[in-house]
Amino acid sequence: MNTRKAIVLLSGGQDSTTCLHWALKEFDGVTAIGFDYGQRHRVELDYARSNAEDAGVAFRVIDVRGLLAPSSLTDDQGQHNGTSHINADLPASFTAGRNLLFLTVAASVAAGLGITDIVTGVCQTDYSGYPDCRRSTIDAMQVALTLGVGAGDIRIHTPLMYLTKAETWKMAAELG
């Protein structure tokens, strides 16, 4: 019997937790991973661990500290007048390449587990100016990961991509 399995990027927040429960409805087996990227709000990882435990799924934290450019999410040096030091058109909270790194690592971990489905809570509707939350970025990553990982067709699922925050809350309530 061939079971459908997915790996969920779980940060501990509302969006990723909603995606975790979405994945539990859509797939036969779910694993969750989180990332320690030096975020200032480290309590998120505790919530992620607790949410995974409550859902009955395995959870692993991967340490990627020091691999990303600074932002207001990681330190006070990453902001300048409320904007990113990388690009003044981006908010100070933009952490350059964060979702790209997370998806790349997730695809590698997934490949080792025989999984080709990745679920992430990125949302173009509510993306706060983050270029790595756009549909076009996710589509490009899906192609690159499929070509580069060697595990077959990688599918990146983004159940929140076009939802408003109110619609995400509604989905969360419907998923229990």
Foldseek 3Di string as FASTA:
>chain_A
DDWAEEEFEAQLDLLSLLQQLVRVVVTPAYAYEYEPQQFPPVCSVVNRVVSCVVVVHHYYYDYPHPVWDDAVRRHPVQDDPQAGPVDRQAGRRATPCPVVVVVLVRLLVCLVVLHQEYEYAQEPQPNRRHPCSAPVNVVVSQVCSCVPNPSHRHHYHHPRHHPDVVVSVVSSVVSD
